[in-house]
Amino acid sequence: MFGGSDKNRLIKQLRDKDPAKAAQAVADLRAGGWLTDGSLKGANLVKANLAGADLSGGNLQNADLTEANLAGATLRDANLLGADMEAANLAGADLTGATLHNAILNQANLQGATVSEAQLARAAMLTGATMPDGSRYDGRFNLSMDMGSARLNRVHIERPAEMAKWYGVPLEAYEQGQAWAKEHLEALKAEGN
């Protein structure tokens, strides 16, 4: 049986450079009930190497996963509410049923990830992200932090050419994304995860 000092050691071990040690920490946290009980809420997991880890059902609400390697990780039904995953590698990750409300995913690599448009439409930021199909995010979800960041950088959000440049996509791709949004976004945001 594990104790409280073990929990803190294991949470720290999640950031170990050795992916085997990090994976063992995940398994031990699950065995202790700490993966799902909220012990990882707000955890500092910056640059953690959790590639291939089974974090399904984990409560990572408001965790800092900036630049974390989550390639091939299983995050099924994980709580990633408000998690900061800026520049995280989520290539091939399984995010089925994961809560991404207000998650920060700018510059994240989601190529090959299993994640729905409804989940992504609830994120806070996706600027510069690589989408599951390998394309660059085109702004179609009109996310709050994307818009706020654009305004702070003096981008006129009502001007398509400026927004296309902001998102780093061709004007045609941005306009197609906005046309898609007019047709689908409201219904998509009304859907559950």
Protein backbone atom coordinates (compact mmCIF):
# COMPACT_ATOMS: atom_id res chain seq x y z
CA MET A 1 0.00 0.00 0.00
CA PHE A 2 1.19 3.50 -0.82
CA GLY A 3 1.26 6.53 1.45
CA GLY A 4 1.08 10.30 0.93
CA SER A 5 4.86 10.69 0.52
CA ASP A 6 4.73 8.00 -2.18
CA LYS A 7 2.07 9.99 -4.01
CA ASN A 8 4.23 13.11 -4.14
CA ARG A 9 7.26 11.10 -5.24
CA LEU A 10 5.25 9.42 -8.00
CA ILE A 11 3.84 12.72 -9.28
CA LYS A 12 7.39 14.06 -9.47
CA GLN A 13 8.50 10.85 -11.20
CA LEU A 14 5.99 11.54 -14.02
CA ARG A 15 8.52 14.14 -15.25
CA ASP A 16 11.42 11.65 -15.34
CA LYS A 17 13.34 11.72 -18.62
CA ASP A 18 13.22 7.90 -18.70
CA PRO A 19 9.83 6.99 -20.21
CA ALA A 20 9.90 3.60 -18.42
CA LYS A 21 10.13 5.33 -15.01
CA ALA A 22 7.34 7.74 -15.98
CA ALA A 23 5.18 4.83 -17.15
CA GLN A 24 5.81 3.01 -13.86
CA ALA A 25 4.77 6.16 -11.98
CA VAL A 26 1.50 6.21 -13.96
CA ALA A 27 0.85 2.56 -13.08
CA ASP A 28 1.63 3.15 -9.40
CA LEU A 29 -0.54 6.29 -9.29
CA ARG A 30 -3.40 4.26 -10.78
CA ALA A 31 -2.85 1.48 -8.21
CA GLY A 32 -2.95 4.04 -5.39
CA GLY A 33 -6.14 5.61 -6.76
CA TRP A 34 -4.34 8.92 -7.33
CA LEU A 35 -4.65 9.04 -11.10
CA THR A 36 -8.38 9.63 -10.90
CA ASP A 37 -8.97 11.22 -7.48
CA GLY A 38 -7.81 14.75 -8.32
CA SER A 39 -4.25 14.39 -7.03
CA LEU A 40 -2.95 15.47 -10.45
CA LYS A 41 -5.13 18.59 -10.67
CA GLY A 42 -2.84 21.48 -11.53
CA ALA A 43 0.22 19.20 -11.63
CA ASN A 44 3.41 20.54 -13.21
CA LEU A 45 4.06 18.07 -16.01
CA VAL A 46 5.97 20.44 -18.30
CA LYS A 47 7.99 18.44 -20.84
CA ALA A 48 6.93 15.14 -19.23
CA ASN A 49 7.64 12.11 -21.41
CA LEU A 50 4.39 10.17 -21.16
CA ALA A 51 4.49 8.68 -24.66
CA GLY A 52 2.31 5.60 -24.80
CA ALA A 53 1.17 5.98 -21.18
CA ASP A 54 -2.29 4.80 -20.12
CA LEU A 55 -3.81 7.89 -18.53
CA SER A 56 -7.39 6.82 -19.23
CA GLY A 57 -9.83 8.25 -16.72
CA GLY A 58 -7.09 10.44 -15.26
CA ASN A 59 -8.01 13.74 -13.64
CA LEU A 60 -5.51 16.20 -15.13
CA GLN A 61 -7.70 19.24 -14.72
CA ASN A 62 -5.64 22.45 -15.04
CA ALA A 63 -2.42 20.42 -15.30
CA ASP A 64 0.51 22.06 -17.07
CA LEU A 65 1.43 19.67 -19.88
CA THR A 66 3.30 22.29 -21.93
CA GLU A 67 5.63 20.54 -24.40
CA ALA A 68 4.74 17.15 -22.89
CA ASN A 69 5.23 14.07 -25.05
CA LEU A 70 1.90 12.26 -25.05
CA ALA A 71 2.39 10.56 -28.41
CA GLY A 72 0.36 7.37 -28.54
CA ALA A 73 -0.93 7.92 -24.99
CA THR A 74 -4.37 6.68 -23.96
CA LEU A 75 -6.35 9.57 -22.52
CA ARG A 76 -9.81 8.00 -22.88
CA ASP A 77 -12.34 9.76 -20.62
CA ALA A 78 -9.56 11.84 -19.04
CA ASN A 79 -10.45 15.18 -17.46
CA LEU A 80 -8.28 17.75 -19.25
CA LEU A 81 -10.50 20.69 -18.33
CA GLY A 82 -8.35 23.82 -18.50
CA ALA A 83 -5.16 21.81 -19.04
CA ASP A 84 -2.30 23.67 -20.73
CA MET A 85 -1.02 21.47 -23.55
CA GLU A 86 0.77 24.17 -25.53
CA ALA A 87 3.21 22.56 -27.98
CA ALA A 88 2.41 19.09 -26.58
CA ASN A 89 2.91 16.08 -28.81
CA LEU A 90 -0.41 14.23 -28.92
CA ALA A 91 0.30 12.43 -32.19
CA GLY A 92 -1.67 9.20 -32.29
CA ALA A 93 -3.12 9.76 -28.80
CA ASP A 94 -6.56 8.38 -27.97
CA LEU A 95 -8.66 11.22 -26.55
CA THR A 96 -12.01 9.46 -26.94
CA GLY A 97 -14.40 10.94 -24.40
CA ALA A 98 -11.75 13.21 -22.86
CA THR A 99 -12.96 16.56 -21.53
CA LEU A 100 -11.12 19.32 -23.40
CA HIS A 101 -13.22 22.27 -22.21
CA ASN A 102 -10.98 25.37 -22.01
CA ALA A 103 -7.86 23.32 -22.80
CA ILE A 104 -4.96 25.19 -24.37
CA LEU A 105 -3.74 23.32 -27.43
CA ASN A 106 -1.91 26.00 -29.41
CA GLN A 107 1.06 24.61 -31.36
CA ALA A 108 0.05 21.07 -30.27
CA ASN A 109 0.56 18.11 -32.59
CA LEU A 110 -2.72 16.20 -32.86
CA GLN A 111 -1.82 14.33 -36.05
CA GLY A 112 -3.42 10.90 -36.02
CA ALA A 113 -5.08 11.53 -32.65
CA THR A 114 -8.53 10.11 -31.97
CA VAL A 115 -10.52 13.20 -31.00
CA SER A 116 -13.84 14.59 -32.21
CA GLU A 117 -14.58 18.01 -33.64
CA ALA A 118 -17.08 18.48 -30.79
CA GLN A 119 -14.25 18.01 -28.26
CA LEU A 120 -11.92 20.41 -30.09
CA ALA A 121 -14.70 23.02 -30.44
CA ARG A 122 -14.71 23.29 -26.62
CA ALA A 123 -10.98 23.97 -26.29
CA ALA A 124 -9.77 27.49 -25.53
CA MET A 125 -6.93 27.71 -28.05
CA LEU A 126 -5.69 25.82 -31.11
CA THR A 127 -3.62 28.44 -32.96
CA GLY A 128 -0.77 26.76 -34.84
CA ALA A 129 -1.93 23.24 -33.95
CA THR A 130 -1.55 20.31 -36.33
CA MET A 131 -4.96 18.71 -36.65
CA PRO A 132 -5.66 14.94 -36.65
CA ASP A 133 -5.68 14.89 -40.47
CA GLY A 134 -2.25 16.57 -40.60
CA SER A 135 -3.54 20.00 -41.67
CA ARG A 136 -2.84 23.21 -39.79
CA TYR A 137 -5.74 24.51 -37.68
CA ASP A 138 -7.68 27.01 -39.80
CA GLY A 139 -9.61 28.89 -37.09
CA ARG A 140 -12.95 27.20 -37.77
CA PHE A 141 -13.94 26.86 -34.11
CA ASN A 142 -13.48 30.61 -33.36
CA LEU A 143 -12.05 29.78 -29.94
CA SER A 144 -12.04 32.41 -27.20
CA MET A 145 -8.30 32.46 -26.44
CA ASP A 146 -7.39 32.36 -30.14
CA MET A 147 -9.53 35.46 -30.69
CA GLY A 148 -8.27 37.21 -27.57
CA SER A 149 -4.66 36.53 -28.50
CA ALA A 150 -5.24 37.80 -32.03
CA ARG A 151 -6.76 41.02 -30.65
CA LEU A 152 -3.82 41.47 -28.26
CA ASN A 153 -1.52 41.19 -31.26
CA ARG A 154 -3.53 43.88 -33.05
CA VAL A 155 -5.02 41.50 -35.59
CA HIS A 156 -8.36 42.74 -36.91
CA ILE A 157 -10.46 39.61 -36.42
CA GLU A 158 -13.10 40.84 -38.87
CA ARG A 159 -10.54 40.87 -41.72
CA PRO A 160 -10.16 37.39 -43.25
CA ALA A 161 -6.71 38.06 -44.74
CA GLU A 162 -5.34 39.10 -41.35
CA MET A 163 -6.89 36.10 -39.62
CA ALA A 164 -5.54 33.71 -42.25
CA LYS A 165 -2.08 35.15 -41.67
CA TRP A 166 -2.60 34.87 -37.89
CA TYR A 167 -3.46 31.18 -38.17
CA GLY A 168 -0.70 30.60 -40.72
CA VAL A 169 -3.02 29.21 -43.37
CA PRO A 170 -3.88 30.34 -46.90
CA LEU A 171 -6.79 32.80 -47.15
CA GLU A 172 -8.83 30.17 -48.99
CA ALA A 173 -8.37 27.65 -46.14
CA TYR A 174 -9.41 30.24 -43.54
CA GLU A 175 -12.50 31.22 -45.55
CA GLN A 176 -13.47 27.56 -46.02
CA GLY A 177 -13.12 27.04 -42.26
CA GLN A 178 -15.36 30.03 -41.57
CA ALA A 179 -17.95 28.79 -44.08
CA TRP A 180 -17.85 25.42 -42.30
CA ALA A 181 -18.32 27.22 -38.96
CA LYS A 182 -21.44 29.07 -40.16
CA GLU A 183 -23.00 25.77 -41.17
CA HIS A 184 -21.88 23.45 -38.34
CA LEU A 185 -20.39 25.21 -35.31
CA GLU A 186 -23.54 26.02 -33.34
CA ALA A 187 -24.87 22.46 -33.57
CA LEU A 188 -21.41 21.04 -32.82
CA LYS A 189 -21.04 23.07 -29.63
CA ALA A 190 -24.49 21.90 -28.53
CA GLU A 191 -23.37 18.25 -28.77
CA GLY A 192 -21.91 16.42 -25.81
CA ASN A 193 -18.33 15.08 -25.89
